Amino acid sequence: MVENPDNSVETVYVGKAGIDAAGDRGWLLGHFKSADGPRHSEDVEIKWGVHPRGDERAEWVTGEKRTALLVLISGRFRVELPGRSVLLAEQGDYVVWGPGVDHSWYAEEESVVLTVRWPSIPGYAVPDPHRNP
């Protein structure tokens, strides 16, 4: 966050996705970011996901109330949807799903994906096994 000379909070944030994402499980923007900064949003969530080969979501998202767009930046990434498995294999491949569509995912190769979800709603995070409760 940049401070103005008059000590007000700047409404511009400049960062690096790879560095900023590492601090919050990949999330760059959403309801869970500090309310006094420009990365806080109740409207949308954006994630820069860096996934090692074999990484997978610990459990399916059920009761989905959001719309999501997932774009492959690099690697091979599989999105599991009810009755359908979508493989993202070429840069720019993407999948969109709407409210009510359960999902999970699996990184077939080391992958980088950009996820955009809207609106930004609390309650979907899987507990991080690497953090103490």
N, C-alpha and C. Protein backbone atom coordinates (compact mmCIF):
# COMPACT_ATOMS: atom_id res chain seq x y z
N MET A 1 0.85 -1.17 0.00
CA MET A 1 0.00 0.00 0.00
C MET A 1 0.89 1.23 0.00
N VAL A 2 0.52 2.20 -0.78
CA VAL A 2 1.28 3.44 -0.89
C VAL A 2 0.60 4.51 -0.05
N GLU A 3 1.38 5.20 0.75
CA GLU A 3 0.83 6.30 1.56
C GLU A 3 0.99 7.61 0.79
N ASN A 4 -0.03 8.43 0.80
CA ASN A 4 0.05 9.78 0.24
C ASN A 4 0.74 10.68 1.25
N PRO A 5 1.27 11.80 0.80
CA PRO A 5 1.91 12.73 1.74
C PRO A 5 0.98 13.18 2.86
N ASP A 6 -0.33 13.24 2.61
CA ASP A 6 -1.26 13.67 3.66
C ASP A 6 -1.70 12.50 4.55
N ASN A 7 -1.00 11.35 4.45
CA ASN A 7 -1.23 10.14 5.24
C ASN A 7 -2.54 9.41 4.93
N SER A 8 -3.20 9.75 3.83
CA SER A 8 -4.39 8.99 3.44
C SER A 8 -3.93 7.73 2.69
N VAL A 9 -4.79 6.74 2.67
CA VAL A 9 -4.44 5.50 1.99
C VAL A 9 -4.64 5.66 0.50
N GLU A 10 -3.66 5.27 -0.27
CA GLU A 10 -3.71 5.33 -1.73
C GLU A 10 -4.70 4.29 -2.25
N THR A 11 -5.36 4.58 -3.34
CA THR A 11 -6.31 3.63 -3.93
C THR A 11 -5.69 2.86 -5.08
N VAL A 12 -4.37 2.88 -5.16
CA VAL A 12 -3.65 2.13 -6.19
C VAL A 12 -2.71 1.16 -5.49
N TYR A 13 -2.67 -0.07 -5.98
CA TYR A 13 -1.75 -1.06 -5.46
C TYR A 13 -0.99 -1.64 -6.63
N VAL A 14 0.31 -1.72 -6.54
CA VAL A 14 1.15 -2.31 -7.57
C VAL A 14 1.89 -3.48 -6.95
N GLY A 15 1.83 -4.63 -7.57
CA GLY A 15 2.48 -5.81 -7.00
C GLY A 15 2.92 -6.79 -8.06
N LYS A 16 3.37 -7.93 -7.60
CA LYS A 16 3.75 -9.04 -8.47
C LYS A 16 2.91 -10.24 -8.06
N ALA A 17 2.16 -10.80 -9.00
CA ALA A 17 1.23 -11.88 -8.69
C ALA A 17 1.92 -13.04 -7.97
N GLY A 18 3.07 -13.47 -8.45
CA GLY A 18 3.76 -14.60 -7.85
C GLY A 18 4.15 -14.36 -6.40
N ILE A 19 4.54 -13.15 -6.08
CA ILE A 19 4.95 -12.81 -4.71
C ILE A 19 3.73 -12.58 -3.83
N ASP A 20 2.79 -11.74 -4.29
CA ASP A 20 1.61 -11.43 -3.48
C ASP A 20 0.74 -12.66 -3.25
N ALA A 21 0.62 -13.50 -4.25
CA ALA A 21 -0.22 -14.70 -4.14
C ALA A 21 0.33 -15.67 -3.10
N ALA A 22 1.62 -15.72 -2.96
CA ALA A 22 2.23 -16.66 -2.01
C ALA A 22 1.82 -16.37 -0.57
N GLY A 23 1.44 -15.14 -0.29
CA GLY A 23 1.07 -14.76 1.06
C GLY A 23 -0.37 -15.06 1.44
N ASP A 24 -1.22 -15.45 0.49
CA ASP A 24 -2.63 -15.65 0.81
C ASP A 24 -3.24 -16.75 -0.06
N ARG A 25 -2.56 -17.89 -0.12
CA ARG A 25 -3.05 -19.06 -0.86
C ARG A 25 -3.41 -18.75 -2.30
N GLY A 26 -2.76 -17.75 -2.87
CA GLY A 26 -2.96 -17.41 -4.27
C GLY A 26 -3.88 -16.24 -4.53
N TRP A 27 -4.63 -15.83 -3.54
CA TRP A 27 -5.65 -14.81 -3.76
C TRP A 27 -5.05 -13.42 -3.79
N LEU A 28 -5.38 -12.67 -4.84
CA LEU A 28 -4.89 -11.30 -5.02
C LEU A 28 -5.94 -10.27 -4.67
N LEU A 29 -7.22 -10.65 -4.76
CA LEU A 29 -8.30 -9.70 -4.59
C LEU A 29 -9.54 -10.43 -4.12
N GLY A 30 -10.30 -9.83 -3.22
CA GLY A 30 -11.56 -10.43 -2.76
C GLY A 30 -12.02 -9.85 -1.44
N HIS A 31 -13.12 -10.39 -0.93
CA HIS A 31 -13.69 -9.90 0.32
C HIS A 31 -12.77 -10.09 1.52
N PHE A 32 -11.83 -11.02 1.41
CA PHE A 32 -10.95 -11.39 2.51
C PHE A 32 -9.71 -10.50 2.62
N LYS A 33 -9.51 -9.59 1.68
CA LYS A 33 -8.39 -8.65 1.76
C LYS A 33 -8.78 -7.48 2.65
N SER A 34 -7.79 -6.78 3.17
CA SER A 34 -8.01 -5.66 4.09
C SER A 34 -9.01 -4.67 3.51
N ALA A 35 -10.02 -4.36 4.30
CA ALA A 35 -11.10 -3.47 3.85
C ALA A 35 -10.61 -2.05 3.55
N ASP A 36 -9.45 -1.68 4.04
CA ASP A 36 -8.96 -0.32 3.79
C ASP A 36 -8.02 -0.25 2.59
N GLY A 37 -7.96 -1.31 1.78
CA GLY A 37 -7.08 -1.31 0.62
C GLY A 37 -7.82 -1.56 -0.68
N PRO A 38 -7.18 -1.23 -1.80
CA PRO A 38 -7.82 -1.38 -3.10
C PRO A 38 -8.01 -2.84 -3.55
N ARG A 39 -7.40 -3.81 -2.85
CA ARG A 39 -7.58 -5.22 -3.22
C ARG A 39 -8.78 -5.86 -2.54
N HIS A 40 -9.49 -5.11 -1.72
CA HIS A 40 -10.72 -5.60 -1.09
C HIS A 40 -11.87 -5.45 -2.08
N SER A 41 -12.65 -6.52 -2.25
CA SER A 41 -13.81 -6.46 -3.14
C SER A 41 -14.88 -7.43 -2.68
N GLU A 42 -16.10 -6.97 -2.63
CA GLU A 42 -17.25 -7.83 -2.37
C GLU A 42 -17.81 -8.35 -3.70
N ASP A 43 -17.32 -7.80 -4.81
CA ASP A 43 -17.86 -8.12 -6.12
C ASP A 43 -17.14 -9.26 -6.83
N VAL A 44 -15.83 -9.36 -6.63
CA VAL A 44 -15.04 -10.33 -7.41
C VAL A 44 -13.85 -10.82 -6.59
N GLU A 45 -13.39 -12.04 -6.92
CA GLU A 45 -12.17 -12.60 -6.34
C GLU A 45 -11.25 -12.97 -7.50
N ILE A 46 -9.96 -12.73 -7.33
CA ILE A 46 -8.98 -13.10 -8.35
C ILE A 46 -7.84 -13.84 -7.69
N LYS A 47 -7.50 -14.98 -8.29
CA LYS A 47 -6.44 -15.84 -7.75
C LYS A 47 -5.39 -16.13 -8.81
N TRP A 48 -4.13 -16.04 -8.41
CA TRP A 48 -2.98 -16.47 -9.22
C TRP A 48 -2.56 -17.79 -8.60
N GLY A 49 -2.99 -18.89 -9.19
CA GLY A 49 -2.74 -20.21 -8.61
C GLY A 49 -1.52 -20.87 -9.20
N VAL A 50 -0.54 -21.14 -8.37
CA VAL A 50 0.67 -21.87 -8.77
C VAL A 50 0.58 -23.24 -8.11
N HIS A 51 0.49 -24.29 -8.93
CA HIS A 51 0.22 -25.63 -8.44
C HIS A 51 1.30 -26.61 -8.89
N PRO A 52 1.98 -27.28 -7.96
CA PRO A 52 2.93 -28.32 -8.35
C PRO A 52 2.19 -29.52 -8.95
N ARG A 53 2.90 -30.31 -9.73
CA ARG A 53 2.31 -31.53 -10.30
C ARG A 53 1.69 -32.36 -9.18
N GLY A 54 0.47 -32.85 -9.40
CA GLY A 54 -0.21 -33.68 -8.42
C GLY A 54 -1.02 -32.93 -7.38
N ASP A 55 -0.91 -31.60 -7.36
CA ASP A 55 -1.69 -30.81 -6.41
C ASP A 55 -3.17 -30.96 -6.76
N GLU A 56 -4.02 -31.08 -5.73
CA GLU A 56 -5.44 -31.19 -5.97
C GLU A 56 -6.21 -30.50 -4.85
N ARG A 57 -7.44 -30.13 -5.16
CA ARG A 57 -8.29 -29.52 -4.13
C ARG A 57 -8.65 -30.60 -3.12
N ALA A 58 -8.55 -30.28 -1.85
CA ALA A 58 -8.74 -31.28 -0.79
C ALA A 58 -10.15 -31.85 -0.77
N GLU A 59 -11.14 -31.07 -1.18
CA GLU A 59 -12.52 -31.55 -1.24
C GLU A 59 -13.28 -30.74 -2.28
N TRP A 60 -14.33 -31.33 -2.82
CA TRP A 60 -15.15 -30.66 -3.82
C TRP A 60 -15.83 -29.44 -3.21
N VAL A 61 -16.00 -28.39 -4.02
CA VAL A 61 -16.84 -27.26 -3.65
C VAL A 61 -18.26 -27.69 -3.97
N THR A 62 -19.15 -27.60 -2.98
CA THR A 62 -20.56 -27.94 -3.19
C THR A 62 -21.42 -26.75 -2.79
N GLY A 63 -22.59 -26.69 -3.33
CA GLY A 63 -23.48 -25.58 -3.01
C GLY A 63 -22.96 -24.26 -3.53
N GLU A 64 -22.28 -24.30 -4.66
CA GLU A 64 -21.65 -23.11 -5.24
C GLU A 64 -22.68 -22.01 -5.52
N LYS A 65 -22.36 -20.77 -5.11
CA LYS A 65 -23.25 -19.63 -5.35
C LYS A 65 -22.60 -18.60 -6.26
N ARG A 66 -21.39 -18.92 -6.74
CA ARG A 66 -20.63 -17.96 -7.55
C ARG A 66 -20.52 -18.45 -8.99
N THR A 67 -20.11 -17.55 -9.87
CA THR A 67 -19.70 -17.90 -11.22
C THR A 67 -18.18 -17.85 -11.21
N ALA A 68 -17.54 -18.73 -11.98
CA ALA A 68 -16.08 -18.78 -12.00
C ALA A 68 -15.55 -18.90 -13.43
N LEU A 69 -14.41 -18.30 -13.65
CA LEU A 69 -13.64 -18.40 -14.89
C LEU A 69 -12.25 -18.84 -14.48
N LEU A 70 -11.75 -19.92 -15.07
CA LEU A 70 -10.41 -20.40 -14.77
C LEU A 70 -9.64 -20.46 -16.10
N VAL A 71 -8.51 -19.75 -16.18
CA VAL A 71 -7.71 -19.65 -17.40
C VAL A 71 -6.33 -20.27 -17.16
N LEU A 72 -5.92 -21.16 -18.05
CA LEU A 72 -4.59 -21.77 -17.95
C LEU A 72 -3.53 -20.81 -18.47
N ILE A 73 -2.54 -20.53 -17.63
CA ILE A 73 -1.39 -19.73 -18.03
C ILE A 73 -0.28 -20.66 -18.53
N SER A 74 -0.02 -21.73 -17.76
CA SER A 74 0.98 -22.72 -18.16
C SER A 74 0.68 -24.05 -17.49
N GLY A 75 1.17 -25.14 -18.09
CA GLY A 75 1.02 -26.47 -17.50
C GLY A 75 -0.14 -27.25 -18.10
N ARG A 76 -0.63 -28.23 -17.33
CA ARG A 76 -1.82 -29.04 -17.67
C ARG A 76 -2.65 -29.14 -16.41
N PHE A 77 -3.89 -28.70 -16.48
CA PHE A 77 -4.72 -28.55 -15.31
C PHE A 77 -6.10 -29.11 -15.62
N ARG A 78 -6.60 -29.96 -14.75
CA ARG A 78 -7.88 -30.61 -14.96
C ARG A 78 -8.91 -30.06 -13.97
N VAL A 79 -10.07 -29.68 -14.49
CA VAL A 79 -11.18 -29.21 -13.66
C VAL A 79 -12.25 -30.29 -13.72
N GLU A 80 -12.65 -30.75 -12.54
CA GLU A 80 -13.68 -31.79 -12.43
C GLU A 80 -15.02 -31.12 -12.14
N LEU A 81 -16.00 -31.43 -12.95
CA LEU A 81 -17.35 -30.93 -12.80
C LEU A 81 -18.28 -32.13 -12.78
N PRO A 82 -19.48 -32.01 -12.28
CA PRO A 82 -20.38 -33.17 -12.24
C PRO A 82 -20.58 -33.76 -13.64
N GLY A 83 -20.20 -35.02 -13.80
CA GLY A 83 -20.37 -35.70 -15.07
C GLY A 83 -19.44 -35.26 -16.17
N ARG A 84 -18.43 -34.44 -15.85
CA ARG A 84 -17.55 -33.92 -16.89
C ARG A 84 -16.18 -33.59 -16.33
N SER A 85 -15.15 -33.94 -17.08
CA SER A 85 -13.78 -33.60 -16.73
C SER A 85 -13.21 -32.73 -17.85
N VAL A 86 -12.73 -31.54 -17.51
CA VAL A 86 -12.22 -30.60 -18.52
C VAL A 86 -10.71 -30.48 -18.36
N LEU A 87 -9.97 -30.79 -19.42
CA LEU A 87 -8.52 -30.67 -19.40
C LEU A 87 -8.12 -29.36 -20.07
N LEU A 88 -7.39 -28.54 -19.34
CA LEU A 88 -6.82 -27.32 -19.88
C LEU A 88 -5.36 -27.63 -20.19
N ALA A 89 -4.99 -27.66 -21.47
CA ALA A 89 -3.67 -28.15 -21.86
C ALA A 89 -2.84 -27.13 -22.63
N GLU A 90 -3.47 -26.11 -23.20
CA GLU A 90 -2.74 -25.10 -23.96
C GLU A 90 -2.96 -23.73 -23.32
N GLN A 91 -1.92 -22.91 -23.31
CA GLN A 91 -2.03 -21.58 -22.73
C GLN A 91 -3.26 -20.88 -23.29
N GLY A 92 -4.07 -20.34 -22.39
CA GLY A 92 -5.28 -19.64 -22.80
C GLY A 92 -6.53 -20.50 -22.77
N ASP A 93 -6.38 -21.83 -22.65
CA ASP A 93 -7.57 -22.67 -22.48
C ASP A 93 -8.29 -22.21 -21.22
N TYR A 94 -9.62 -22.21 -21.25
CA TYR A 94 -10.35 -21.79 -20.06
C TYR A 94 -11.68 -22.51 -19.96
N VAL A 95 -12.25 -22.46 -18.76
CA VAL A 95 -13.56 -23.03 -18.48
C VAL A 95 -14.31 -22.05 -17.59
N VAL A 96 -15.61 -21.96 -17.83
CA VAL A 96 -16.48 -21.11 -17.03
C VAL A 96 -17.61 -21.98 -16.51
N TRP A 97 -17.96 -21.81 -15.22
CA TRP A 97 -19.13 -22.50 -14.68
C TRP A 97 -19.87 -21.53 -13.77
N GLY A 98 -21.15 -21.80 -13.61
CA GLY A 98 -22.00 -20.87 -12.87
C GLY A 98 -22.46 -21.40 -11.54
N PRO A 99 -23.31 -20.65 -10.88
CA PRO A 99 -23.85 -21.05 -9.59
C PRO A 99 -24.51 -22.42 -9.69
N GLY A 100 -24.36 -23.21 -8.63
CA GLY A 100 -24.96 -24.53 -8.57
C GLY A 100 -24.10 -25.64 -9.15
N VAL A 101 -22.96 -25.30 -9.75
CA VAL A 101 -22.08 -26.31 -10.34
C VAL A 101 -20.96 -26.64 -9.36
N ASP A 102 -21.01 -27.85 -8.79
CA ASP A 102 -19.94 -28.31 -7.89
C ASP A 102 -18.67 -28.50 -8.71
N HIS A 103 -17.51 -28.43 -8.05
CA HIS A 103 -16.27 -28.61 -8.81
C HIS A 103 -15.10 -28.98 -7.91
N SER A 104 -14.06 -29.47 -8.56
CA SER A 104 -12.78 -29.75 -7.94
C SER A 104 -11.73 -29.60 -9.03
N TRP A 105 -10.45 -29.79 -8.69
CA TRP A 105 -9.40 -29.65 -9.70
C TRP A 105 -8.18 -30.48 -9.34
N TYR A 106 -7.32 -30.71 -10.36
CA TYR A 106 -6.11 -31.50 -10.21
C TYR A 106 -5.06 -30.98 -11.19
N ALA A 107 -3.83 -30.74 -10.72
CA ALA A 107 -2.74 -30.29 -11.58
C ALA A 107 -2.01 -31.52 -12.14
N GLU A 108 -2.21 -31.80 -13.43
CA GLU A 108 -1.54 -32.93 -14.06
C GLU A 108 -0.05 -32.67 -14.24
N GLU A 109 0.31 -31.41 -14.43
CA GLU A 109 1.70 -30.95 -14.50
C GLU A 109 1.78 -29.70 -13.63
N GLU A 110 2.99 -29.25 -13.34
CA GLU A 110 3.14 -27.97 -12.66
C GLU A 110 2.37 -26.95 -13.49
N SER A 111 1.48 -26.21 -12.84
CA SER A 111 0.56 -25.33 -13.57
C SER A 111 0.42 -23.97 -12.89
N VAL A 112 0.14 -22.98 -13.72
CA VAL A 112 -0.25 -21.66 -13.25
C VAL A 112 -1.60 -21.37 -13.88
N VAL A 113 -2.58 -21.01 -13.04
CA VAL A 113 -3.92 -20.69 -13.52
C VAL A 113 -4.38 -19.39 -12.89
N LEU A 114 -5.16 -18.65 -13.64
CA LEU A 114 -5.78 -17.43 -13.15
C LEU A 114 -7.26 -17.72 -12.97
N THR A 115 -7.76 -17.51 -11.76
CA THR A 115 -9.17 -17.75 -11.47
C THR A 115 -9.84 -16.43 -11.12
N VAL A 116 -11.00 -16.20 -11.72
CA VAL A 116 -11.83 -15.05 -11.41
C VAL A 116 -13.18 -15.60 -10.97
N ARG A 117 -13.65 -15.18 -9.79
CA ARG A 117 -14.95 -15.64 -9.28
C ARG A 117 -15.77 -14.43 -8.86
N TRP A 118 -17.06 -14.53 -9.07
CA TRP A 118 -17.93 -13.44 -8.65
C TRP A 118 -19.29 -13.98 -8.28
N PRO A 119 -19.93 -13.35 -7.28
CA PRO A 119 -19.40 -12.34 -6.36
C PRO A 119 -18.44 -12.96 -5.35
N SER A 120 -17.82 -12.13 -4.54
CA SER A 120 -16.89 -12.60 -3.51
C SER A 120 -17.69 -12.92 -2.25
N ILE A 121 -17.81 -14.22 -1.95
CA ILE A 121 -18.65 -14.68 -0.84
C ILE A 121 -17.81 -15.50 0.14
N PRO A 122 -17.87 -15.20 1.44
CA PRO A 122 -17.16 -16.01 2.43
C PRO A 122 -17.72 -17.43 2.53
N GLY A 123 -16.86 -18.35 2.97
CA GLY A 123 -17.35 -19.67 3.33
C GLY A 123 -16.93 -20.83 2.46
N TYR A 124 -16.06 -20.62 1.49
CA TYR A 124 -15.68 -21.71 0.59
C TYR A 124 -14.27 -22.24 0.80
N ALA A 125 -13.51 -21.64 1.69
CA ALA A 125 -12.12 -22.03 1.87
C ALA A 125 -12.02 -23.41 2.53
N VAL A 126 -11.13 -24.23 1.99
CA VAL A 126 -10.80 -25.50 2.61
C VAL A 126 -9.72 -25.21 3.64
N PRO A 127 -9.80 -25.77 4.85
CA PRO A 127 -8.74 -25.52 5.84
C PRO A 127 -7.37 -25.85 5.27
N ASP A 128 -6.41 -24.96 5.52
CA ASP A 128 -5.04 -25.16 5.06
C ASP A 128 -4.31 -26.07 6.04
N PRO A 129 -3.88 -27.27 5.59
CA PRO A 129 -3.22 -28.20 6.51
C PRO A 129 -1.85 -27.71 6.98
N HIS A 130 -1.33 -26.66 6.34
CA HIS A 130 0.00 -26.14 6.71
C HIS A 130 -0.08 -25.01 7.71
N ARG A 131 -1.30 -24.54 8.02
CA ARG A 131 -1.48 -23.47 9.01
C ARG A 131 -2.07 -24.02 10.28
N ASN A 132 -1.66 -23.45 11.38
CA ASN A 132 -2.26 -23.82 12.67
C ASN A 132 -3.62 -23.15 12.77
N PRO A 133 -4.62 -23.84 13.34
CA PRO A 133 -5.96 -23.24 13.44
C PRO A 133 -5.99 -22.02 14.32
